[in-house]
Protein backbone atom coordinates (compact mmCIF):
# COMPACT_ATOMS: atom_id res chain seq x y z
CA MET A 1 53.52 122.58 -83.16
CA GLU A 2 52.19 119.64 -85.10
CA ARG A 3 53.22 118.55 -88.56
CA THR A 4 50.39 117.46 -90.82
CA THR A 5 50.43 116.19 -94.35
CA SER A 6 47.63 117.18 -96.68
CA THR A 7 46.14 114.95 -99.36
CA MET A 8 48.27 116.73 -101.93
CA GLY A 9 51.47 115.72 -100.16
CA HIS A 10 52.27 119.18 -98.77
CA THR A 11 53.50 119.36 -95.20
CA THR A 12 52.18 122.16 -93.03
CA GLU A 13 52.83 123.12 -89.45
CA ARG A 14 49.95 124.02 -87.19
CA ASN A 15 49.73 125.08 -83.59
CA VAL A 16 47.63 122.48 -81.73
CA TRP A 17 46.64 124.92 -78.97
CA SER A 18 45.31 127.67 -81.20
CA PRO A 19 41.54 127.70 -81.77
CA ASP A 20 40.32 126.97 -85.26
CA TRP A 21 38.06 129.91 -86.07
CA GLY A 22 37.49 128.73 -89.63
CA THR A 23 34.41 126.76 -88.55
CA ALA A 24 33.07 129.17 -85.93
CA VAL A 25 29.36 129.97 -85.92
CA VAL A 26 28.17 133.29 -84.57
CA VAL A 27 24.69 133.29 -83.04
CA ASP A 28 22.73 136.35 -82.03
CA PRO A 29 22.16 136.34 -78.22
CA LYS A 30 18.40 136.87 -78.72
CA ALA A 31 18.24 133.94 -81.10
CA LEU A 32 20.29 131.84 -78.67
CA ARG A 33 17.86 132.65 -75.82
CA ARG A 34 14.93 131.79 -78.08
CA LEU A 35 16.56 128.48 -79.02
CA GLU A 36 17.25 127.67 -75.37
CA GLU A 37 13.63 128.47 -74.46
CA ASP A 38 12.35 126.32 -77.33
CA ASN A 39 14.65 123.52 -76.20
CA ARG A 40 13.38 123.77 -72.60
CA ARG A 41 9.76 123.76 -73.79
CA LEU A 42 10.35 120.75 -76.06
CA ARG A 43 12.01 118.81 -73.23
CA GLY A 44 8.94 119.49 -71.09
CA TRP A 45 6.67 118.12 -73.81
CA GLN A 46 8.96 115.11 -74.16
CA ARG A 47 8.65 114.38 -70.41
CA ARG A 48 4.86 114.73 -70.56
CA ARG A 49 4.67 112.36 -73.51
CA ALA A 50 6.87 109.82 -71.72
CA VAL A 51 4.67 109.97 -68.61
CA ALA A 52 1.52 109.64 -70.74
CA ALA A 53 3.00 106.66 -72.60
CA ALA A 54 3.92 104.96 -69.31
CA PHE A 55 0.41 105.62 -67.97
CA LEU A 56 -1.21 104.19 -71.11
CA LEU A 57 1.04 101.14 -70.99
CA GLY A 58 0.09 100.51 -67.36
CA ALA A 59 -3.60 101.05 -68.08
CA SER A 60 -3.53 98.64 -71.01
CA ALA A 61 -1.76 95.99 -68.91
CA LEU A 62 -4.35 96.43 -66.15
CA SER A 63 -7.27 96.22 -68.59
CA ALA A 64 -5.76 93.11 -70.22
CA SER A 65 -5.47 91.49 -66.80
CA ILE A 66 -9.07 92.35 -65.93
CA ALA A 67 -10.29 91.09 -69.31
CA TYR A 68 -8.47 87.79 -68.81
CA ARG A 69 -10.01 87.32 -65.35
CA GLN A 70 -13.49 88.04 -66.75
CA TYR A 71 -12.91 85.62 -69.63
CA SER A 72 -11.80 82.93 -67.17
CA PHE A 73 -14.86 83.53 -64.95
CA VAL A 74 -17.25 83.39 -67.93
CA SER A 75 -15.63 80.18 -69.19
CA LYS A 76 -16.10 78.49 -65.81
CA LEU A 77 -19.67 79.78 -65.61
CA ARG A 78 -20.41 78.41 -69.09
CA LEU A 79 -19.14 74.96 -68.06
CA LYS A 80 -21.26 75.02 -64.90
CA SER A 81 -24.39 76.06 -66.82
CA HIS A 82 -23.78 73.26 -69.34
CA GLU A 83 -23.47 70.79 -66.48
CA CYS A 84 -26.70 72.09 -64.91
CA ARG A 85 -28.55 71.73 -68.23
CA GLN A 86 -27.35 68.15 -68.55
CA ASN A 87 -28.57 67.36 -65.04
CA ALA A 88 -31.94 69.03 -65.72
CA THR A 89 -32.57 67.11 -68.95
CA ARG A 90 -31.86 63.68 -67.45
CA PRO A 91 -34.95 61.55 -67.06
CA ASN A 92 -36.43 61.70 -63.61
CA MET A 93 -35.42 58.62 -61.72
CA ALA A 94 -37.50 57.11 -59.02
CA PRO A 95 -36.17 57.98 -55.62
CA SER A 96 -34.31 55.18 -53.99
CA ARG A 97 -35.64 53.50 -50.87
CA ALA A 98 -32.75 54.84 -48.85
CA SER A 99 -33.88 58.37 -49.48
CA LEU A 100 -37.46 57.60 -48.39
CA GLU A 101 -36.54 56.13 -45.05
CA PRO A 102 -36.39 58.45 -42.08
């Protein structure tokens, strides 16, 4: 037995081991089975969404990596083409004697 005091100051005794049926909820077995089935189906959808999200995250990381590598390659290619244009627009110099000798 446990002694409890209510907000009004009254002391009541209550058996700790007895179930409190004042808050019990009765569920129809058919409704319970339907709820369990719905729960199982929703958990399946949740797993599928989690797998899809992980796949999309991996795919976006891979595509970002590929895009960065392409950007880097194009940047280097642009610098090389600029250098080639500069070399092509230089005035033609007379070949040196060293290059004419066998």
